Amino acid sequence: MPNVTISGDGSQKSIITGNKNFADGVRTSFQTASFAALGEGFVAKSMGFRNTVGPEKHQAVAARVQADRAIFLNCRFEGHRDFIFGDAAAIFQNCLIYVRKPMENQQNIVTAQGRADKQETTGIVLKDCKIMPDKDLEPVKSQFKTYLGRPWKEFSRTIVMDSTIEDLIHPDG
């Protein structure tokens, strides 16, 4: 369904949660999403998105975007690995992105974008966002590697612009 808008009462009041995860038999990260935007022209305003499963369950997506021309405004995202996920032309603007504490010997990855063809005009854009550790990760953030993204497919593209990135991101990106 195209041109759907959801508007909440604030990113800490209107929260979409789920706990699907790879370890409990969901076959792919793609299917673990607490929320999936599929229709072209999707808009979310003032909403929170979180996958509440802990890091022991591996990948668990908070928001999957397969909706071209999607925008998330003033939203909040929380997760460990691949928690902003998909293959779409998607903008995340003025969003709070909280990275949660992983288990020992795990790493955090904020985005996993899946552009499979170099001709596609898809990508994830984080604009005017704030990327930071949550309260549990903050005191131990130097013990874990955290990355802005990983290529889910061959031509993946993620752009971070005009955003505040706290000192938790590994130098490799």
Protein backbone atom coordinates (compact mmCIF):
# COMPACT_ATOMS: atom_id res chain seq x y z
CA MET A 1 0.00 0.00 0.00
CA PRO A 2 1.64 3.31 -1.03
CA ASN A 3 1.75 6.63 0.83
CA VAL A 4 1.12 5.45 4.38
CA THR A 5 1.99 7.73 7.31
CA ILE A 6 2.22 6.76 10.96
CA SER A 7 2.55 9.52 13.51
CA GLY A 8 3.19 8.99 17.19
CA ASP A 9 3.04 11.04 20.36
CA GLY A 10 6.82 10.95 20.76
CA SER A 11 9.59 8.43 20.22
CA GLN A 12 9.45 7.30 23.86
CA LYS A 13 5.64 7.18 24.04
CA SER A 14 4.67 5.53 20.74
CA ILE A 15 6.98 2.52 20.44
CA ILE A 16 6.76 -0.47 18.13
CA THR A 17 8.52 -3.48 19.63
CA GLY A 18 9.07 -7.10 18.78
CA ASN A 19 11.38 -9.95 19.69
CA LYS A 20 11.79 -12.05 16.56
CA ASN A 21 15.37 -13.23 16.23
CA PHE A 22 17.75 -15.47 14.37
CA ALA A 23 18.50 -17.81 17.29
CA ASP A 24 14.87 -18.86 17.83
CA GLY A 25 14.49 -20.20 14.31
CA VAL A 26 13.72 -17.14 12.21
CA ARG A 27 15.77 -18.01 9.15
CA THR A 28 17.11 -14.63 8.09
CA SER A 29 17.79 -11.20 9.57
CA PHE A 30 15.26 -9.92 7.01
CA GLN A 31 12.47 -11.78 8.84
CA THR A 32 13.38 -10.61 12.36
CA ALA A 33 12.04 -7.07 11.91
CA SER A 34 9.84 -5.65 14.65
CA PHE A 35 8.51 -3.28 11.98
CA ALA A 36 8.63 -3.42 8.18
CA ALA A 37 7.84 -0.54 5.82
CA LEU A 38 6.97 -1.97 2.41
CA GLY A 39 4.84 0.61 0.59
CA GLU A 40 6.34 3.38 -1.52
CA GLY A 41 6.11 6.84 0.04
CA PHE A 42 6.09 5.64 3.66
CA VAL A 43 6.42 8.28 6.43
CA ALA A 44 6.95 7.73 10.17
CA LYS A 45 6.95 10.68 12.58
CA SER A 46 7.78 10.74 16.29
CA MET A 47 7.86 6.95 16.73
CA GLY A 48 10.16 4.51 18.53
CA PHE A 49 11.32 1.23 16.98
CA ARG A 50 13.03 -1.49 18.97
CA ASN A 51 13.65 -5.20 18.86
CA THR A 52 13.63 -6.20 22.51
CA VAL A 53 15.48 -9.48 22.16
CA GLY A 54 18.85 -9.49 23.90
CA PRO A 55 22.24 -9.85 22.20
CA GLU A 56 22.39 -13.58 22.95
CA LYS A 57 19.85 -14.06 20.15
CA HIS A 58 22.14 -12.50 17.49
CA GLN A 59 20.69 -10.36 14.68
CA ALA A 60 17.37 -8.74 15.47
CA VAL A 61 16.07 -5.94 13.28
CA ALA A 62 14.14 -3.03 14.80
CA ALA A 63 13.10 -1.51 11.44
CA ARG A 64 13.25 -3.00 7.95
CA VAL A 65 12.67 -0.62 5.05
CA GLN A 66 11.75 -1.95 1.61
CA ALA A 67 9.63 1.12 0.76
CA ASP A 68 11.18 3.47 -1.76
CA ARG A 69 10.94 7.13 -0.83
CA ALA A 70 10.55 6.35 2.85
CA ILE A 71 11.29 8.87 5.58
CA PHE A 72 11.55 8.56 9.34
CA LEU A 73 11.33 11.95 11.12
CA ASN A 74 12.11 12.50 14.80
CA CYS A 75 12.14 8.77 15.49
CA ARG A 76 14.16 6.60 17.87
CA PHE A 77 15.84 3.29 17.08
CA GLU A 78 17.45 0.87 19.52
CA GLY A 79 19.39 -2.29 18.85
CA HIS A 80 22.61 -4.29 18.62
CA ARG A 81 23.27 -5.66 15.16
CA ASP A 82 21.67 -4.70 11.83
CA PHE A 83 18.84 -2.92 13.62
CA ILE A 84 18.22 -0.50 10.73
CA PHE A 85 17.95 -2.80 7.74
CA GLY A 86 16.71 -3.01 4.16
CA ASP A 87 17.00 -1.99 0.55
CA ALA A 88 15.12 1.21 -0.19
CA ALA A 89 15.62 4.90 -0.79
CA ALA A 90 15.15 5.80 2.88
CA ILE A 91 15.94 8.92 4.89
CA PHE A 92 16.23 8.96 8.67
CA GLN A 93 16.15 12.60 9.75
CA ASN A 94 16.51 14.05 13.25
CA CYS A 95 16.47 10.53 14.70
CA LEU A 96 18.00 9.22 17.90
CA ILE A 97 19.89 5.98 17.37
CA TYR A 98 20.81 4.11 20.53
CA VAL A 99 23.33 1.29 20.33
CA ARG A 100 22.80 -1.36 22.99
CA LYS A 101 25.40 -3.38 24.86
CA PRO A 102 26.30 -6.65 23.10
CA MET A 103 27.61 -9.86 24.65
CA GLU A 104 31.32 -10.55 25.06
CA ASN A 105 33.02 -11.18 21.69
CA GLN A 106 30.15 -9.55 19.77
CA GLN A 107 30.11 -6.32 17.84
CA ASN A 108 27.42 -3.76 17.10
CA ILE A 109 26.38 -2.77 13.60
CA VAL A 110 23.83 0.01 13.21
CA THR A 111 22.80 -0.41 9.55
CA ALA A 112 22.73 -3.19 6.97
CA GLN A 113 21.73 -1.85 3.56
CA GLY A 114 21.07 -4.31 0.73
CA ARG A 115 21.50 -2.71 -2.69
CA ALA A 116 22.16 -5.68 -5.01
CA ASP A 117 22.46 -3.83 -8.34
CA LYS A 118 24.71 -0.84 -8.95
CA GLN A 119 21.95 0.75 -11.06
CA GLU A 120 19.53 0.87 -8.12
CA THR A 121 18.91 4.30 -6.60
CA THR A 122 18.53 2.94 -3.09
CA GLY A 123 20.42 3.68 0.09
CA ILE A 124 20.02 4.55 3.74
CA VAL A 125 20.63 8.21 4.63
CA LEU A 126 21.08 9.25 8.26
CA LYS A 127 20.71 13.05 8.31
CA ASP A 128 20.88 15.24 11.41
CA CYS A 129 20.75 12.13 13.58
CA LYS A 130 22.44 11.41 16.89
CA ILE A 131 24.16 8.03 17.25
CA MET A 132 25.04 7.14 20.81
CA PRO A 133 25.45 4.28 23.28
CA ASP A 134 22.56 3.42 25.57
CA LYS A 135 23.04 3.63 29.34
CA ASP A 136 24.31 0.03 29.62
CA LEU A 137 26.85 0.36 26.82
CA GLU A 138 28.13 3.83 27.78
CA PRO A 139 30.46 2.81 30.65
CA VAL A 140 31.97 -0.13 28.70
CA LYS A 141 31.78 1.12 25.10
CA SER A 142 35.56 0.91 24.61
CA GLN A 143 35.37 -2.88 25.15
CA PHE A 144 33.19 -3.43 22.07
CA LYS A 145 33.54 -2.65 18.38
CA THR A 146 30.65 -0.67 16.97
CA TYR A 147 30.26 0.05 13.25
CA LEU A 148 27.94 2.43 11.42
CA GLY A 149 27.07 -0.22 8.87
CA ARG A 150 27.89 -3.32 6.94
CA PRO A 151 27.20 -4.25 3.33
CA TRP A 152 24.29 -6.66 3.26
CA LYS A 153 24.57 -6.97 -0.54
CA GLU A 154 27.25 -6.24 -3.13
CA PHE A 155 26.45 -2.56 -3.79
CA SER A 156 25.21 -1.47 -0.36
CA ARG A 157 25.10 2.25 0.31
CA THR A 158 24.69 4.12 3.60
CA ILE A 159 25.28 7.85 3.98
CA VAL A 160 25.69 9.60 7.32
CA MET A 161 25.57 13.39 7.04
CA ASP A 162 25.30 16.34 9.39
CA SER A 163 24.93 13.92 12.29
CA THR A 164 26.42 13.68 15.76
CA ILE A 165 28.29 10.45 16.34
CA GLU A 166 29.43 9.88 19.89
CA ASP A 167 32.80 8.24 20.51
CA LEU A 168 31.69 4.64 20.16
CA ILE A 169 32.25 3.99 16.43
CA HIS A 170 35.27 1.90 15.45
CA PRO A 171 37.70 3.79 13.13
CA ASP A 172 37.01 1.31 10.30
CA GLY A 173 33.49 2.68 10.12
